[in-house]
Amino acid sequence: MNSAVLAILLRSSLVLHTGSVHFSGGNHNNLNAGAGIAYAVTDSVSVQGGFFRNSVFNWSEYISGEYRPIHFGGFSAGAFGGAVNHYRLNNGRAIPVAGLVAQYKNFRVRYVPGFKDSGNVATLELVFPL
């Protein structure tokens, strides 16, 4: 195997999307199955892309970047930003998304604050290094 490919794989993780909690109420899909791939550029910076069944029962694709400068043992925290599609906003086209992210070992939680009729949601991801 090419050493450059091996170096990328060693800094990559499989991300499994599991579910969400919507704090604003309403009829939302809270079982958000999906998967993605994350690449750790550094210990604090990563990029991620993938797909999941979203809160309005559509399949969404996303791309995001994370900055987690807070590290303590197996815990890290910071912020993320990116784009996601197939929500009601913008007729299903890609919209920006941003929020807070925290990870403890293989468990990652994201919080997206409310915006218009979406957001104010926490999601759970399971992260497995490749």
N, C-alpha and C. Protein backbone atom coordinates (compact mmCIF):
# COMPACT_ATOMS: atom_id res chain seq x y z
N MET A 1 0.85 -1.18 0.00
CA MET A 1 0.00 0.00 0.00
C MET A 1 0.90 1.24 0.00
N ASN A 2 0.51 2.22 -0.76
CA ASN A 2 1.23 3.49 -0.84
C ASN A 2 1.32 4.13 0.55
N SER A 3 2.47 4.67 0.92
CA SER A 3 2.65 5.24 2.26
C SER A 3 1.77 6.47 2.48
N ALA A 4 1.48 7.24 1.43
CA ALA A 4 0.60 8.41 1.58
C ALA A 4 -0.83 7.96 1.88
N VAL A 5 -1.29 6.92 1.21
CA VAL A 5 -2.63 6.39 1.47
C VAL A 5 -2.71 5.84 2.88
N LEU A 6 -1.69 5.13 3.30
CA LEU A 6 -1.66 4.58 4.64
C LEU A 6 -1.69 5.69 5.69
N ALA A 7 -0.95 6.76 5.47
CA ALA A 7 -0.95 7.89 6.40
C ALA A 7 -2.33 8.51 6.52
N ILE A 8 -3.05 8.63 5.41
CA ILE A 8 -4.42 9.18 5.43
C ILE A 8 -5.35 8.24 6.20
N LEU A 9 -5.27 6.95 5.94
CA LEU A 9 -6.14 5.99 6.63
C LEU A 9 -5.90 5.99 8.13
N LEU A 10 -4.65 6.14 8.54
CA LEU A 10 -4.33 6.13 9.97
C LEU A 10 -4.89 7.34 10.70
N ARG A 11 -5.24 8.41 9.99
CA ARG A 11 -5.81 9.61 10.60
C ARG A 11 -7.31 9.73 10.29
N SER A 12 -7.91 8.65 9.79
CA SER A 12 -9.32 8.68 9.40
C SER A 12 -10.17 7.84 10.34
N SER A 13 -11.47 8.16 10.36
CA SER A 13 -12.42 7.43 11.21
C SER A 13 -13.72 7.22 10.46
N LEU A 14 -14.38 6.11 10.77
CA LEU A 14 -15.74 5.85 10.33
C LEU A 14 -16.66 6.50 11.35
N VAL A 15 -17.64 7.27 10.89
CA VAL A 15 -18.59 7.93 11.78
C VAL A 15 -19.98 7.36 11.50
N LEU A 16 -20.62 6.84 12.54
CA LEU A 16 -21.98 6.31 12.41
C LEU A 16 -22.94 7.28 13.10
N HIS A 17 -23.92 7.74 12.36
CA HIS A 17 -24.94 8.65 12.90
C HIS A 17 -26.04 7.79 13.51
N THR A 18 -26.49 8.16 14.70
CA THR A 18 -27.45 7.32 15.41
C THR A 18 -28.79 7.99 15.63
N GLY A 19 -28.80 9.11 16.32
CA GLY A 19 -30.07 9.73 16.66
C GLY A 19 -29.90 11.16 17.10
N SER A 20 -31.04 11.78 17.41
CA SER A 20 -31.04 13.19 17.81
C SER A 20 -32.14 13.45 18.83
N VAL A 21 -32.00 14.58 19.50
CA VAL A 21 -33.02 15.08 20.41
C VAL A 21 -33.34 16.49 19.98
N HIS A 22 -34.61 16.77 19.68
CA HIS A 22 -35.06 18.09 19.26
C HIS A 22 -35.67 18.80 20.47
N PHE A 23 -35.07 19.91 20.86
CA PHE A 23 -35.53 20.62 22.04
C PHE A 23 -36.70 21.56 21.74
N SER A 24 -37.00 21.74 20.46
CA SER A 24 -38.08 22.66 20.07
C SER A 24 -39.41 21.94 19.89
N GLY A 25 -39.45 20.65 20.12
CA GLY A 25 -40.70 19.91 19.96
C GLY A 25 -40.99 19.66 18.49
N GLY A 26 -42.25 19.39 18.18
CA GLY A 26 -42.64 19.14 16.79
C GLY A 26 -42.48 17.68 16.42
N ASN A 27 -42.87 17.38 15.19
CA ASN A 27 -42.81 16.02 14.66
C ASN A 27 -41.51 15.85 13.89
N HIS A 28 -40.46 15.41 14.58
CA HIS A 28 -39.16 15.22 13.95
C HIS A 28 -38.74 13.76 13.99
N ASN A 29 -37.97 13.37 13.00
CA ASN A 29 -37.35 12.06 12.99
C ASN A 29 -36.15 12.10 13.92
N ASN A 30 -36.16 11.31 14.97
CA ASN A 30 -35.05 11.27 15.92
C ASN A 30 -34.13 10.08 15.71
N LEU A 31 -34.45 9.22 14.74
CA LEU A 31 -33.58 8.09 14.39
C LEU A 31 -32.87 8.46 13.10
N ASN A 32 -31.66 8.95 13.23
CA ASN A 32 -30.94 9.55 12.10
C ASN A 32 -29.80 8.67 11.62
N ALA A 33 -30.14 7.46 11.17
CA ALA A 33 -29.12 6.53 10.71
C ALA A 33 -28.34 7.10 9.53
N GLY A 34 -27.05 6.84 9.53
CA GLY A 34 -26.21 7.28 8.43
C GLY A 34 -24.75 6.99 8.73
N ALA A 35 -23.89 7.41 7.82
CA ALA A 35 -22.46 7.16 7.99
C ALA A 35 -21.65 8.26 7.31
N GLY A 36 -20.42 8.39 7.77
CA GLY A 36 -19.52 9.36 7.18
C GLY A 36 -18.08 8.95 7.42
N ILE A 37 -17.19 9.71 6.82
CA ILE A 37 -15.75 9.53 7.01
C ILE A 37 -15.18 10.84 7.52
N ALA A 38 -14.36 10.77 8.56
CA ALA A 38 -13.70 11.95 9.11
C ALA A 38 -12.19 11.78 8.93
N TYR A 39 -11.52 12.89 8.65
CA TYR A 39 -10.07 12.90 8.52
C TYR A 39 -9.51 13.94 9.48
N ALA A 40 -8.63 13.51 10.38
CA ALA A 40 -8.01 14.41 11.36
C ALA A 40 -6.79 15.07 10.72
N VAL A 41 -6.91 16.36 10.40
CA VAL A 41 -5.80 17.11 9.84
C VAL A 41 -4.73 17.29 10.91
N THR A 42 -5.16 17.63 12.13
CA THR A 42 -4.30 17.73 13.31
C THR A 42 -5.09 17.13 14.47
N ASP A 43 -4.56 17.22 15.69
CA ASP A 43 -5.31 16.74 16.85
C ASP A 43 -6.52 17.61 17.15
N SER A 44 -6.55 18.85 16.63
CA SER A 44 -7.66 19.77 16.90
C SER A 44 -8.53 20.08 15.70
N VAL A 45 -8.06 19.78 14.49
CA VAL A 45 -8.77 20.15 13.26
C VAL A 45 -9.09 18.90 12.46
N SER A 46 -10.35 18.79 12.00
CA SER A 46 -10.74 17.65 11.17
C SER A 46 -11.78 18.09 10.14
N VAL A 47 -11.92 17.27 9.11
CA VAL A 47 -12.96 17.45 8.10
C VAL A 47 -13.76 16.16 8.03
N GLN A 48 -15.03 16.29 7.63
CA GLN A 48 -15.91 15.13 7.63
C GLN A 48 -16.94 15.28 6.53
N GLY A 49 -17.36 14.18 5.96
CA GLY A 49 -18.43 14.17 4.97
C GLY A 49 -19.19 12.87 5.08
N GLY A 50 -20.48 12.90 4.70
CA GLY A 50 -21.27 11.68 4.77
C GLY A 50 -22.73 11.94 4.47
N PHE A 51 -23.58 11.04 4.97
CA PHE A 51 -25.02 11.11 4.72
C PHE A 51 -25.76 10.61 5.95
N PHE A 52 -27.04 10.99 6.09
CA PHE A 52 -27.87 10.51 7.19
C PHE A 52 -29.33 10.78 6.86
N ARG A 53 -30.21 10.08 7.55
CA ARG A 53 -31.66 10.31 7.45
C ARG A 53 -31.96 11.48 8.38
N ASN A 54 -32.39 12.62 7.83
CA ASN A 54 -32.48 13.84 8.63
C ASN A 54 -33.78 13.95 9.43
N SER A 55 -33.92 15.06 10.11
CA SER A 55 -35.04 15.30 11.03
C SER A 55 -36.39 15.44 10.34
N VAL A 56 -36.38 15.74 9.03
CA VAL A 56 -37.64 15.88 8.29
C VAL A 56 -37.83 14.68 7.35
N PHE A 57 -37.21 13.54 7.71
CA PHE A 57 -37.41 12.25 7.06
C PHE A 57 -36.88 12.20 5.62
N ASN A 58 -35.88 13.02 5.30
CA ASN A 58 -35.19 12.97 4.00
C ASN A 58 -33.76 12.50 4.22
N TRP A 59 -33.14 12.00 3.14
CA TRP A 59 -31.71 11.68 3.20
C TRP A 59 -30.92 12.94 2.92
N SER A 60 -29.95 13.25 3.76
CA SER A 60 -29.10 14.43 3.61
C SER A 60 -27.66 14.02 3.40
N GLU A 61 -26.95 14.83 2.62
CA GLU A 61 -25.50 14.72 2.51
C GLU A 61 -24.91 15.96 3.16
N TYR A 62 -23.72 15.83 3.71
CA TYR A 62 -23.11 16.97 4.41
C TYR A 62 -21.59 16.95 4.23
N ILE A 63 -21.01 18.10 4.48
CA ILE A 63 -19.57 18.26 4.58
C ILE A 63 -19.33 19.27 5.69
N SER A 64 -18.31 19.03 6.52
CA SER A 64 -18.07 19.95 7.64
C SER A 64 -16.61 19.96 8.04
N GLY A 65 -16.27 20.99 8.76
CA GLY A 65 -14.96 21.10 9.38
C GLY A 65 -15.14 21.32 10.87
N GLU A 66 -14.21 20.82 11.65
CA GLU A 66 -14.28 20.95 13.10
C GLU A 66 -13.01 21.57 13.64
N TYR A 67 -13.16 22.34 14.70
CA TYR A 67 -12.02 22.83 15.46
C TYR A 67 -12.30 22.53 16.92
N ARG A 68 -11.55 21.59 17.49
CA ARG A 68 -11.73 21.19 18.89
C ARG A 68 -10.43 21.46 19.66
N PRO A 69 -10.26 22.70 20.13
CA PRO A 69 -9.02 23.06 20.81
C PRO A 69 -8.95 22.63 22.27
N ILE A 70 -10.07 22.24 22.85
CA ILE A 70 -10.10 21.86 24.27
C ILE A 70 -9.89 20.36 24.36
N HIS A 71 -8.84 19.94 25.06
CA HIS A 71 -8.51 18.52 25.23
C HIS A 71 -8.23 18.25 26.70
N PHE A 72 -8.85 17.18 27.21
CA PHE A 72 -8.62 16.78 28.59
C PHE A 72 -8.83 15.27 28.67
N GLY A 73 -7.77 14.52 28.80
CA GLY A 73 -7.90 13.07 28.80
C GLY A 73 -8.50 12.61 27.49
N GLY A 74 -9.55 11.81 27.52
CA GLY A 74 -10.22 11.36 26.30
C GLY A 74 -11.31 12.29 25.81
N PHE A 75 -11.42 13.49 26.43
CA PHE A 75 -12.47 14.46 26.09
C PHE A 75 -11.89 15.57 25.23
N SER A 76 -12.67 16.01 24.22
CA SER A 76 -12.31 17.18 23.43
C SER A 76 -13.58 17.93 23.08
N ALA A 77 -13.45 19.26 22.87
CA ALA A 77 -14.63 20.07 22.57
C ALA A 77 -14.23 21.27 21.72
N GLY A 78 -15.23 21.79 20.99
CA GLY A 78 -15.00 22.96 20.15
C GLY A 78 -16.23 23.29 19.33
N ALA A 79 -16.00 23.66 18.08
CA ALA A 79 -17.09 24.10 17.20
C ALA A 79 -16.94 23.45 15.82
N PHE A 80 -18.03 23.45 15.07
CA PHE A 80 -17.99 22.92 13.71
C PHE A 80 -18.81 23.83 12.80
N GLY A 81 -18.56 23.71 11.51
CA GLY A 81 -19.33 24.43 10.51
C GLY A 81 -19.26 23.69 9.20
N GLY A 82 -20.28 23.87 8.37
CA GLY A 82 -20.29 23.18 7.09
C GLY A 82 -21.57 23.45 6.33
N ALA A 83 -21.96 22.47 5.54
CA ALA A 83 -23.18 22.58 4.72
C ALA A 83 -23.90 21.24 4.70
N VAL A 84 -25.22 21.29 4.62
CA VAL A 84 -26.07 20.10 4.58
C VAL A 84 -27.23 20.38 3.63
N ASN A 85 -27.77 19.33 3.00
CA ASN A 85 -28.88 19.54 2.08
C ASN A 85 -30.12 18.73 2.48
N HIS A 86 -31.18 18.92 1.70
CA HIS A 86 -32.46 18.21 1.81
C HIS A 86 -33.27 18.52 3.06
N TYR A 87 -33.18 19.77 3.51
CA TYR A 87 -34.10 20.28 4.54
C TYR A 87 -35.08 21.23 3.87
N ARG A 88 -36.11 21.64 4.58
CA ARG A 88 -37.13 22.53 4.00
C ARG A 88 -36.59 23.91 3.64
N LEU A 89 -35.62 24.38 4.43
CA LEU A 89 -35.00 25.67 4.13
C LEU A 89 -34.32 25.61 2.77
N ASN A 90 -34.42 26.65 1.99
CA ASN A 90 -33.74 26.76 0.70
C ASN A 90 -34.17 25.67 -0.28
N ASN A 91 -35.41 25.20 -0.18
CA ASN A 91 -35.97 24.21 -1.11
C ASN A 91 -35.11 22.95 -1.26
N GLY A 92 -34.49 22.52 -0.18
CA GLY A 92 -33.70 21.30 -0.20
C GLY A 92 -32.26 21.47 -0.64
N ARG A 93 -31.92 22.64 -1.16
CA ARG A 93 -30.53 22.87 -1.56
C ARG A 93 -29.66 23.03 -0.32
N ALA A 94 -28.36 23.01 -0.50
CA ALA A 94 -27.43 23.08 0.62
C ALA A 94 -27.62 24.36 1.42
N ILE A 95 -27.56 24.22 2.73
CA ILE A 95 -27.64 25.36 3.66
C ILE A 95 -26.45 25.27 4.62
N PRO A 96 -26.02 26.40 5.15
CA PRO A 96 -24.94 26.35 6.13
C PRO A 96 -25.43 25.78 7.45
N VAL A 97 -24.53 25.15 8.16
CA VAL A 97 -24.84 24.60 9.48
C VAL A 97 -23.61 24.81 10.37
N ALA A 98 -23.84 25.14 11.62
CA ALA A 98 -22.74 25.36 12.56
C ALA A 98 -23.23 25.10 13.97
N GLY A 99 -22.31 24.80 14.85
CA GLY A 99 -22.68 24.57 16.24
C GLY A 99 -21.50 24.15 17.07
N LEU A 100 -21.81 23.53 18.19
CA LEU A 100 -20.80 23.06 19.14
C LEU A 100 -20.63 21.55 19.01
N VAL A 101 -19.43 21.07 19.32
CA VAL A 101 -19.16 19.64 19.25
C VAL A 101 -18.31 19.24 20.44
N ALA A 102 -18.62 18.07 21.01
CA ALA A 102 -17.83 17.51 22.10
C ALA A 102 -17.68 16.01 21.86
N GLN A 103 -16.53 15.48 22.21
CA GLN A 103 -16.29 14.06 22.01
C GLN A 103 -15.61 13.48 23.24
N TYR A 104 -16.08 12.30 23.66
CA TYR A 104 -15.42 11.52 24.70
C TYR A 104 -15.18 10.12 24.14
N LYS A 105 -13.93 9.81 23.93
CA LYS A 105 -13.53 8.53 23.34
C LYS A 105 -14.27 8.33 22.02
N ASN A 106 -15.16 7.33 21.92
CA ASN A 106 -15.84 7.04 20.65
C ASN A 106 -17.22 7.69 20.53
N PHE A 107 -17.60 8.55 21.46
CA PHE A 107 -18.93 9.16 21.45
C PHE A 107 -18.80 10.66 21.15
N ARG A 108 -19.47 11.12 20.10
CA ARG A 108 -19.43 12.53 19.73
C ARG A 108 -20.84 13.10 19.74
N VAL A 109 -21.01 14.25 20.40
CA VAL A 109 -22.30 14.94 20.46
C VAL A 109 -22.14 16.29 19.77
N ARG A 110 -23.11 16.63 18.93
CA ARG A 110 -23.15 17.94 18.28
C ARG A 110 -24.41 18.67 18.73
N TYR A 111 -24.28 19.98 18.88
CA TYR A 111 -25.44 20.81 19.18
C TYR A 111 -25.55 21.88 18.10
N VAL A 112 -26.71 21.94 17.46
CA VAL A 112 -27.00 22.96 16.44
C VAL A 112 -28.05 23.89 17.02
N PRO A 113 -27.72 25.17 17.23
CA PRO A 113 -28.72 26.10 17.78
C PRO A 113 -29.87 26.33 16.80
N GLY A 114 -30.99 26.79 17.32
CA GLY A 114 -32.17 27.02 16.50
C GLY A 114 -31.98 28.14 15.48
N PHE A 115 -32.58 27.95 14.31
CA PHE A 115 -32.58 28.94 13.24
C PHE A 115 -33.86 28.77 12.46
N LYS A 116 -34.70 29.81 12.45
CA LYS A 116 -36.02 29.73 11.81
C LYS A 116 -36.76 28.51 12.35
N ASP A 117 -37.12 27.56 11.47
CA ASP A 117 -37.90 26.40 11.93
C ASP A 117 -37.05 25.13 12.04
N SER A 118 -35.74 25.29 12.21
CA SER A 118 -34.91 24.10 12.36
C SER A 118 -33.86 24.34 13.44
N GLY A 119 -33.07 23.35 13.69
CA GLY A 119 -32.02 23.46 14.69
C GLY A 119 -32.53 23.23 16.09
N ASN A 120 -31.78 23.73 17.08
CA ASN A 120 -32.03 23.47 18.49
C ASN A 120 -32.11 21.97 18.72
N VAL A 121 -31.06 21.30 18.24
CA VAL A 121 -31.03 19.84 18.26
C VAL A 121 -29.65 19.36 18.69
N ALA A 122 -29.63 18.24 19.40
CA ALA A 122 -28.39 17.56 19.75
C ALA A 122 -28.37 16.21 19.04
N THR A 123 -27.23 15.84 18.49
CA THR A 123 -27.10 14.57 17.79
C THR A 123 -25.99 13.73 18.42
N LEU A 124 -26.08 12.43 18.23
CA LEU A 124 -25.07 11.51 18.74
C LEU A 124 -24.44 10.76 17.57
N GLU A 125 -23.11 10.73 17.55
CA GLU A 125 -22.36 9.97 16.56
C GLU A 125 -21.42 9.01 17.27
N LEU A 126 -21.21 7.86 16.69
CA LEU A 126 -20.21 6.90 17.16
C LEU A 126 -19.04 6.95 16.20
N VAL A 127 -17.83 7.09 16.73
CA VAL A 127 -16.63 7.32 15.93
C VAL A 127 -15.65 6.15 16.12
N PHE A 128 -15.24 5.54 15.00
CA PHE A 128 -14.35 4.39 15.04
C PHE A 128 -13.14 4.64 14.16
N PRO A 129 -11.95 4.78 14.75
CA PRO A 129 -10.73 4.97 13.94
C PRO A 129 -10.54 3.79 12.98
N LEU A 130 -10.08 4.09 11.77
CA LEU A 130 -9.83 3.02 10.78
C LEU A 130 -8.52 2.31 11.05
